């Protein structure tokens, strides 16, 4: 799969959805979405060499240094039950993202596959924003804030 084929599938998806997006360069694009709990900024990396499409949605605030440990615990607990995608945080900067991706090696990337990556990503970020905010600003412990259905115990 070449870079042009990735571009074609991505462009077709955004045009079908009538969604604004912009290329920062040939391998990086930015876009956003309004969710139920927040407006999300996102970017997508198109990697021709590894034949991947990776999307990151950005949590709207940086996690302060004193909260990074407890947020890391929360993200680990959430990630444990996720089947697709994951939360990640930079311990140095406090940036928090949800990441989804598509391995396109030996496969044709279609607008439908791009749609699955994008909507899964936004849905998960939007779903867990109240949970993250409860731990970040409400002082609730990660173990307590997650519903029983969202834990393995």
N, C-alpha and C. Protein backbone atom coordinates (compact mmCIF):
# COMPACT_ATOMS: atom_id res chain seq x y z
N UNK A 1 0.85 -1.18 0.00
CA UNK A 1 0.00 0.00 0.00
C UNK A 1 0.89 1.23 0.00
N UNK A 2 0.67 2.10 -0.94
CA UNK A 2 1.47 3.31 -1.01
C UNK A 2 0.76 4.47 -0.32
N UNK A 3 1.49 5.54 -0.14
CA UNK A 3 0.96 6.70 0.56
C UNK A 3 -0.26 7.28 -0.15
N UNK A 4 -0.25 7.27 -1.47
CA UNK A 4 -1.39 7.80 -2.22
C UNK A 4 -2.66 7.01 -1.94
N UNK A 5 -2.54 5.70 -1.82
CA UNK A 5 -3.72 4.88 -1.52
C UNK A 5 -4.26 5.19 -0.13
N UNK A 6 -3.37 5.43 0.84
CA UNK A 6 -3.83 5.86 2.17
C UNK A 6 -4.54 7.19 2.09
N UNK A 7 -3.95 8.14 1.36
CA UNK A 7 -4.57 9.46 1.17
C UNK A 7 -5.96 9.32 0.54
N UNK A 8 -6.06 8.49 -0.47
CA UNK A 8 -7.34 8.34 -1.18
C UNK A 8 -8.43 7.85 -0.24
N UNK A 9 -8.12 6.85 0.58
CA UNK A 9 -9.12 6.30 1.50
C UNK A 9 -9.50 7.32 2.57
N UNK A 10 -8.50 8.01 3.11
CA UNK A 10 -8.75 9.02 4.15
C UNK A 10 -9.57 10.17 3.58
N UNK A 11 -9.16 10.67 2.44
CA UNK A 11 -9.88 11.78 1.81
C UNK A 11 -11.32 11.39 1.49
N UNK A 12 -11.52 10.18 0.97
CA UNK A 12 -12.88 9.72 0.66
C UNK A 12 -13.74 9.67 1.91
N UNK A 13 -13.19 9.18 3.02
CA UNK A 13 -13.94 9.13 4.27
C UNK A 13 -14.38 10.52 4.70
N UNK A 14 -13.43 11.47 4.77
CA UNK A 14 -13.77 12.81 5.24
C UNK A 14 -14.74 13.51 4.29
N UNK A 15 -14.64 13.28 3.01
CA UNK A 15 -15.58 13.87 2.05
C UNK A 15 -16.97 13.27 2.20
N UNK A 16 -17.04 11.94 2.39
CA UNK A 16 -18.34 11.29 2.61
C UNK A 16 -19.03 11.84 3.85
N UNK A 17 -18.26 12.12 4.89
CA UNK A 17 -18.80 12.62 6.15
C UNK A 17 -18.99 14.14 6.13
N UNK A 18 -18.54 14.80 5.05
CA UNK A 18 -18.57 16.27 4.96
C UNK A 18 -17.90 16.90 6.18
N UNK A 19 -16.71 16.43 6.45
CA UNK A 19 -15.95 16.76 7.64
C UNK A 19 -14.75 17.61 7.25
N UNK A 20 -14.53 18.69 7.96
CA UNK A 20 -13.35 19.53 7.71
C UNK A 20 -12.10 18.87 8.27
N UNK A 21 -11.03 18.94 7.49
CA UNK A 21 -9.74 18.41 7.90
C UNK A 21 -8.67 19.14 7.10
N UNK A 22 -7.45 19.09 7.61
CA UNK A 22 -6.36 19.73 6.88
C UNK A 22 -5.09 18.91 7.02
N UNK A 23 -4.36 18.86 5.92
CA UNK A 23 -3.06 18.20 5.96
C UNK A 23 -2.02 19.19 6.46
N UNK A 24 -1.28 18.80 7.49
CA UNK A 24 -0.16 19.58 7.98
C UNK A 24 1.04 19.35 7.06
N UNK A 25 1.19 18.11 6.65
CA UNK A 25 2.16 17.71 5.63
C UNK A 25 1.61 16.44 4.99
N UNK A 26 2.37 15.79 4.13
CA UNK A 26 1.81 14.64 3.41
C UNK A 26 1.54 13.43 4.28
N UNK A 27 2.07 13.41 5.49
CA UNK A 27 1.88 12.27 6.39
C UNK A 27 1.07 12.59 7.65
N UNK A 28 0.63 13.82 7.80
CA UNK A 28 -0.06 14.23 9.04
C UNK A 28 -1.25 15.11 8.70
N UNK A 29 -2.42 14.77 9.25
CA UNK A 29 -3.58 15.63 9.09
C UNK A 29 -4.23 15.88 10.44
N UNK A 30 -4.93 17.01 10.53
CA UNK A 30 -5.62 17.42 11.76
C UNK A 30 -7.10 17.60 11.47
N UNK A 31 -7.90 17.32 12.49
CA UNK A 31 -9.35 17.46 12.38
C UNK A 31 -9.93 17.44 13.79
N UNK A 32 -11.22 17.61 13.92
CA UNK A 32 -11.85 17.61 15.22
C UNK A 32 -13.27 17.09 15.15
N UNK A 33 -13.86 16.91 16.31
CA UNK A 33 -15.23 16.42 16.39
C UNK A 33 -15.86 16.91 17.68
N UNK A 34 -17.15 17.20 17.60
CA UNK A 34 -17.90 17.58 18.79
C UNK A 34 -18.54 16.34 19.37
N UNK A 35 -18.19 16.03 20.62
CA UNK A 35 -18.75 14.87 21.28
C UNK A 35 -19.82 15.27 22.28
N UNK A 36 -20.37 14.29 22.96
CA UNK A 36 -21.37 14.55 23.98
C UNK A 36 -20.75 15.23 25.19
N UNK A 37 -19.50 14.87 25.51
CA UNK A 37 -18.85 15.37 26.71
C UNK A 37 -17.77 16.42 26.45
N UNK A 38 -17.28 16.51 25.21
CA UNK A 38 -16.26 17.51 24.89
C UNK A 38 -16.05 17.58 23.39
N UNK A 39 -15.42 18.68 22.99
CA UNK A 39 -14.95 18.81 21.61
C UNK A 39 -13.53 18.27 21.58
N UNK A 40 -13.25 17.41 20.62
CA UNK A 40 -11.97 16.71 20.56
C UNK A 40 -11.18 17.16 19.34
N UNK A 41 -9.91 17.50 19.57
CA UNK A 41 -8.97 17.72 18.48
C UNK A 41 -8.22 16.42 18.26
N UNK A 42 -7.91 16.15 17.00
CA UNK A 42 -7.24 14.90 16.69
C UNK A 42 -6.26 15.09 15.55
N UNK A 43 -5.37 14.12 15.45
CA UNK A 43 -4.49 14.08 14.28
C UNK A 43 -4.30 12.63 13.86
N UNK A 44 -3.99 12.47 12.58
CA UNK A 44 -3.80 11.15 12.01
C UNK A 44 -2.46 11.12 11.30
N UNK A 45 -1.72 10.06 11.54
CA UNK A 45 -0.41 9.86 10.92
C UNK A 45 -0.56 8.77 9.86
N UNK A 46 -0.11 9.06 8.66
CA UNK A 46 -0.11 8.09 7.57
C UNK A 46 1.32 7.65 7.36
N UNK A 47 1.59 6.38 7.59
CA UNK A 47 2.96 5.87 7.53
C UNK A 47 3.08 4.88 6.38
N UNK A 48 3.69 5.33 5.30
CA UNK A 48 3.84 4.47 4.12
C UNK A 48 4.79 3.31 4.39
N UNK A 49 5.89 3.58 5.07
CA UNK A 49 6.90 2.54 5.30
C UNK A 49 6.34 1.37 6.10
N UNK A 50 5.63 1.67 7.18
CA UNK A 50 5.04 0.62 8.02
C UNK A 50 3.63 0.25 7.59
N UNK A 51 3.12 0.96 6.59
CA UNK A 51 1.76 0.72 6.07
C UNK A 51 0.73 0.79 7.18
N UNK A 52 0.78 1.90 7.89
CA UNK A 52 -0.12 2.12 9.02
C UNK A 52 -0.83 3.46 8.91
N UNK A 53 -1.97 3.48 9.53
CA UNK A 53 -2.73 4.71 9.73
C UNK A 53 -2.98 4.74 11.23
N UNK A 54 -2.53 5.79 11.90
CA UNK A 54 -2.68 5.88 13.36
C UNK A 54 -3.33 7.21 13.71
N UNK A 55 -4.36 7.14 14.54
CA UNK A 55 -5.09 8.34 14.95
C UNK A 55 -4.93 8.56 16.44
N UNK A 56 -4.76 9.84 16.81
CA UNK A 56 -4.66 10.25 18.21
C UNK A 56 -5.70 11.34 18.47
N UNK A 57 -6.55 11.12 19.46
CA UNK A 57 -7.42 12.21 19.92
C UNK A 57 -6.81 12.77 21.20
N UNK A 58 -6.89 14.07 21.35
CA UNK A 58 -6.18 14.77 22.42
C UNK A 58 -7.12 15.14 23.56
N UNK A 59 -6.76 14.74 24.77
CA UNK A 59 -7.49 15.17 25.95
C UNK A 59 -7.31 16.69 26.06
N UNK A 60 -8.34 17.43 26.45
CA UNK A 60 -8.29 18.90 26.34
C UNK A 60 -7.36 19.63 27.31
N UNK A 61 -6.89 18.96 28.35
CA UNK A 61 -5.99 19.62 29.30
C UNK A 61 -4.79 18.72 29.59
N UNK A 62 -3.69 19.35 29.96
CA UNK A 62 -2.52 18.58 30.38
C UNK A 62 -2.74 18.08 31.81
N UNK A 63 -2.28 16.89 32.07
CA UNK A 63 -2.38 16.33 33.42
C UNK A 63 -1.24 16.93 34.25
N UNK A 64 -1.57 17.58 35.37
CA UNK A 64 -0.51 18.18 36.20
C UNK A 64 0.41 17.10 36.79
N UNK A 65 1.67 17.46 37.03
CA UNK A 65 2.64 16.47 37.54
C UNK A 65 2.16 15.70 38.76
N UNK A 66 1.51 16.36 39.68
CA UNK A 66 1.09 15.69 40.92
C UNK A 66 -0.07 14.71 40.70
N UNK A 67 -0.71 14.74 39.54
CA UNK A 67 -1.83 13.84 39.25
C UNK A 67 -1.45 12.72 38.27
N UNK A 68 -0.25 12.75 37.74
CA UNK A 68 0.13 11.80 36.68
C UNK A 68 0.14 10.35 37.17
N UNK A 69 0.54 10.11 38.39
CA UNK A 69 0.55 8.75 38.92
C UNK A 69 -0.84 8.15 39.01
N UNK A 70 -1.78 8.91 39.56
CA UNK A 70 -3.14 8.40 39.72
C UNK A 70 -3.84 8.29 38.36
N UNK A 71 -3.56 9.19 37.45
CA UNK A 71 -4.14 9.09 36.10
C UNK A 71 -3.53 7.91 35.36
N UNK A 72 -2.24 7.64 35.56
CA UNK A 72 -1.63 6.46 34.95
C UNK A 72 -2.31 5.18 35.44
N UNK A 73 -2.63 5.14 36.73
CA UNK A 73 -3.35 3.97 37.26
C UNK A 73 -4.71 3.85 36.59
N UNK A 74 -5.43 4.96 36.48
CA UNK A 74 -6.74 4.94 35.85
C UNK A 74 -6.64 4.45 34.41
N UNK A 75 -5.70 5.00 33.65
CA UNK A 75 -5.56 4.61 32.25
C UNK A 75 -5.20 3.13 32.12
N UNK A 76 -4.38 2.63 33.03
CA UNK A 76 -4.04 1.21 33.00
C UNK A 76 -5.27 0.36 33.26
N UNK A 77 -6.10 0.76 34.20
CA UNK A 77 -7.32 0.02 34.49
C UNK A 77 -8.28 0.06 33.31
N UNK A 78 -8.41 1.22 32.66
CA UNK A 78 -9.27 1.32 31.48
C UNK A 78 -8.70 0.47 30.34
N UNK A 79 -7.42 0.63 30.07
CA UNK A 79 -6.80 -0.09 28.95
C UNK A 79 -6.93 -1.61 29.09
N UNK A 80 -6.94 -2.09 30.32
CA UNK A 80 -7.01 -3.52 30.57
C UNK A 80 -8.26 -4.16 29.95
N UNK A 81 -9.35 -3.41 29.89
CA UNK A 81 -10.61 -3.97 29.38
C UNK A 81 -10.91 -3.55 27.94
N UNK A 82 -10.09 -2.72 27.34
CA UNK A 82 -10.33 -2.28 25.96
C UNK A 82 -9.86 -3.34 24.97
N UNK A 83 -10.62 -3.53 23.92
CA UNK A 83 -10.22 -4.46 22.87
C UNK A 83 -9.51 -3.75 21.72
N UNK A 84 -9.87 -2.51 21.47
CA UNK A 84 -9.31 -1.76 20.34
C UNK A 84 -8.90 -0.38 20.82
N UNK A 85 -7.64 -0.04 20.63
CA UNK A 85 -7.15 1.27 21.02
C UNK A 85 -6.68 1.28 22.45
N UNK A 86 -6.07 2.42 22.82
CA UNK A 86 -5.60 2.56 24.19
C UNK A 86 -5.39 4.03 24.53
N UNK A 87 -5.46 4.29 25.83
CA UNK A 87 -5.10 5.60 26.35
C UNK A 87 -3.61 5.61 26.62
N UNK A 88 -2.98 6.75 26.42
CA UNK A 88 -1.56 6.91 26.75
C UNK A 88 -1.31 8.32 27.23
N UNK A 89 -0.32 8.45 28.10
CA UNK A 89 0.01 9.74 28.67
C UNK A 89 1.51 9.92 28.70
N UNK A 90 1.95 11.11 28.40
CA UNK A 90 3.36 11.45 28.54
C UNK A 90 3.61 11.85 29.99
N UNK A 91 4.47 11.10 30.67
CA UNK A 91 4.80 11.46 32.06
C UNK A 91 5.57 12.77 32.12
N UNK A 92 6.34 13.09 31.10
CA UNK A 92 7.13 14.32 31.11
C UNK A 92 6.28 15.57 30.87
N UNK A 93 5.36 15.48 29.94
CA UNK A 93 4.57 16.66 29.56
C UNK A 93 3.14 16.67 30.08
N UNK A 94 2.60 15.52 30.40
CA UNK A 94 1.21 15.45 30.87
C UNK A 94 0.18 15.40 29.76
N UNK A 95 0.64 15.21 28.51
CA UNK A 95 -0.29 15.08 27.38
C UNK A 95 -0.97 13.72 27.46
N UNK A 96 -2.27 13.71 27.20
CA UNK A 96 -3.05 12.48 27.27
C UNK A 96 -3.78 12.30 25.95
N UNK A 97 -3.69 11.10 25.39
CA UNK A 97 -4.30 10.79 24.10
C UNK A 97 -5.02 9.46 24.15
N UNK A 98 -5.97 9.29 23.21
CA UNK A 98 -6.48 7.97 22.91
C UNK A 98 -5.99 7.64 21.51
N UNK A 99 -5.47 6.42 21.33
CA UNK A 99 -4.86 6.04 20.05
C UNK A 99 -5.57 4.82 19.47
N UNK A 100 -5.89 4.90 18.19
CA UNK A 100 -6.36 3.76 17.43
C UNK A 100 -5.54 3.69 16.16
N UNK A 101 -5.50 2.53 15.57
CA UNK A 101 -4.71 2.41 14.36
C UNK A 101 -5.21 1.31 13.46
N UNK A 102 -4.62 1.29 12.29
CA UNK A 102 -4.96 0.31 11.28
C UNK A 102 -3.68 -0.16 10.62
N UNK A 103 -3.43 -1.46 10.71
CA UNK A 103 -2.29 -2.07 10.04
C UNK A 103 -2.75 -2.40 8.63
N UNK A 104 -2.18 -1.71 7.65
CA UNK A 104 -2.62 -1.86 6.26
C UNK A 104 -1.68 -2.71 5.42
N UNK A 105 -0.81 -3.46 6.06
CA UNK A 105 0.10 -4.32 5.29
C UNK A 105 -0.71 -5.34 4.52
N UNK A 106 -0.48 -5.39 3.24
CA UNK A 106 -1.14 -6.36 2.36
C UNK A 106 -2.66 -6.27 2.40
N UNK A 107 -3.19 -5.10 2.67
CA UNK A 107 -4.64 -4.91 2.71
C UNK A 107 -5.01 -3.61 2.02
N UNK A 108 -6.19 -3.58 1.50
CA UNK A 108 -6.70 -2.36 0.89
C UNK A 108 -7.40 -1.54 1.97
N UNK A 109 -6.98 -0.31 2.13
CA UNK A 109 -7.63 0.58 3.09
C UNK A 109 -8.81 1.24 2.38
N UNK A 110 -9.97 1.12 2.99
CA UNK A 110 -11.20 1.69 2.43
C UNK A 110 -11.70 2.80 3.34
N UNK A 111 -12.59 3.64 2.83
CA UNK A 111 -13.19 4.66 3.70
C UNK A 111 -13.90 4.05 4.91
N UNK A 112 -14.47 2.87 4.76
CA UNK A 112 -15.14 2.21 5.88
C UNK A 112 -14.14 1.85 6.98
N UNK A 113 -12.97 1.36 6.61
CA UNK A 113 -11.96 1.05 7.62
C UNK A 113 -11.47 2.32 8.31
N UNK A 114 -11.31 3.40 7.55
CA UNK A 114 -10.92 4.68 8.15
C UNK A 114 -12.01 5.14 9.11
N UNK A 115 -13.26 5.01 8.71
CA UNK A 115 -14.41 5.39 9.57
C UNK A 115 -14.35 4.62 10.89
N UNK A 116 -14.06 3.33 10.83
CA UNK A 116 -14.00 2.52 12.05
C UNK A 116 -12.92 3.03 13.00
N UNK A 117 -11.76 3.38 12.47
CA UNK A 117 -10.67 3.91 13.28
C UNK A 117 -11.07 5.24 13.92
N UNK A 118 -11.63 6.13 13.12
CA UNK A 118 -11.97 7.48 13.60
C UNK A 118 -13.10 7.45 14.63
N UNK A 119 -14.19 6.79 14.32
CA UNK A 119 -15.33 6.82 15.23
C UNK A 119 -15.06 6.03 16.52
N UNK A 120 -14.34 4.92 16.44
CA UNK A 120 -13.97 4.19 17.65
C UNK A 120 -13.14 5.10 18.56
N UNK A 121 -12.21 5.81 17.96
CA UNK A 121 -11.32 6.68 18.72
C UNK A 121 -12.12 7.78 19.43
N UNK A 122 -12.91 8.52 18.67
CA UNK A 122 -13.68 9.61 19.27
C UNK A 122 -14.67 9.10 20.31
N UNK A 123 -15.30 7.98 20.03
CA UNK A 123 -16.29 7.46 20.96
C UNK A 123 -15.63 7.10 22.30
N UNK A 124 -14.46 6.48 22.24
CA UNK A 124 -13.78 6.09 23.48
C UNK A 124 -13.31 7.30 24.27
N UNK A 125 -12.74 8.28 23.59
CA UNK A 125 -12.31 9.49 24.31
C UNK A 125 -13.52 10.16 24.96
N UNK A 126 -14.59 10.33 24.19
CA UNK A 126 -15.78 11.00 24.72
C UNK A 126 -16.38 10.19 25.87
N UNK A 127 -16.39 8.89 25.76
CA UNK A 127 -16.96 8.03 26.80
C UNK A 127 -16.22 8.16 28.12
N UNK A 128 -14.88 8.24 28.07
CA UNK A 128 -14.09 8.21 29.29
C UNK A 128 -13.70 9.59 29.82
N UNK A 129 -14.05 10.66 29.14
CA UNK A 129 -13.72 12.00 29.65
C UNK A 129 -14.31 12.24 31.05
N UNK A 130 -15.59 11.94 31.30
CA UNK A 130 -16.11 12.17 32.66
C UNK A 130 -15.36 11.36 33.72
N UNK A 131 -14.96 10.14 33.37
CA UNK A 131 -14.22 9.29 34.30
C UNK A 131 -12.85 9.90 34.61
N UNK A 132 -12.16 10.33 33.57
CA UNK A 132 -10.84 10.93 33.75
C UNK A 132 -10.96 12.23 34.56
N UNK A 133 -11.95 13.04 34.26
CA UNK A 133 -12.14 14.30 34.98
C UNK A 133 -12.47 14.06 36.45
N UNK A 134 -13.23 12.99 36.74
CA UNK A 134 -13.58 12.68 38.13
C UNK A 134 -12.34 12.35 38.96
N UNK A 135 -11.40 11.67 38.34
CA UNK A 135 -10.16 11.35 39.05
C UNK A 135 -9.25 12.56 39.09
N UNK A 136 -9.17 13.28 37.99
CA UNK A 136 -8.27 14.42 37.88
C UNK A 136 -8.68 15.56 38.80
N UNK A 137 -9.96 15.90 38.82
CA UNK A 137 -10.41 17.08 39.58
C UNK A 137 -11.33 16.76 40.76
N UNK A 138 -11.90 15.55 40.76
CA UNK A 138 -12.85 15.20 41.83
C UNK A 138 -12.24 14.41 42.97
N UNK A 139 -11.00 13.99 42.79
CA UNK A 139 -10.33 13.26 43.85
C UNK A 139 -10.83 11.84 44.06
N UNK A 140 -11.58 11.31 43.11
CA UNK A 140 -12.11 9.96 43.24
C UNK A 140 -11.02 8.97 42.81
N UNK A 141 -10.93 7.86 43.51
CA UNK A 141 -9.87 6.88 43.18
C UNK A 141 -10.22 6.17 41.88
N UNK A 142 -9.21 5.77 41.11
CA UNK A 142 -9.45 5.06 39.85
C UNK A 142 -10.26 3.78 40.03
N UNK A 143 -10.01 3.04 41.08
CA UNK A 143 -10.73 1.79 41.31
C UNK A 143 -12.21 2.04 41.58
N UNK A 144 -12.51 3.10 42.29
CA UNK A 144 -13.90 3.41 42.65
C UNK A 144 -14.68 4.00 41.48
N UNK A 145 -14.02 4.83 40.67
CA UNK A 145 -14.73 5.57 39.63
C UNK A 145 -15.20 4.69 38.48
N UNK A 146 -14.51 3.58 38.23
CA UNK A 146 -14.92 2.71 37.13
C UNK A 146 -16.09 1.84 37.55
N UNK A 147 -17.05 1.73 36.65
CA UNK A 147 -18.21 0.87 36.92
C UNK A 147 -17.76 -0.58 37.00
N UNK A 148 -18.49 -1.42 37.77
CA UNK A 148 -18.10 -2.83 37.85
C UNK A 148 -17.98 -3.51 36.49
N UNK A 149 -18.76 -3.10 35.53
CA UNK A 149 -18.70 -3.71 34.19
C UNK A 149 -17.43 -3.33 33.44
N UNK A 150 -16.72 -2.32 33.95
CA UNK A 150 -15.52 -1.85 33.27
C UNK A 150 -14.24 -2.36 33.96
N UNK A 151 -14.38 -3.31 34.83
CA UNK A 151 -13.22 -3.92 35.48
C UNK A 151 -13.31 -5.43 35.32
N UNK A 152 -12.19 -6.09 35.50
CA UNK A 152 -12.17 -7.54 35.37
C UNK A 152 -12.42 -8.25 36.69
N UNK A 153 -12.43 -7.51 37.80
CA UNK A 153 -12.61 -8.16 39.11
C UNK A 153 -14.07 -8.20 39.52
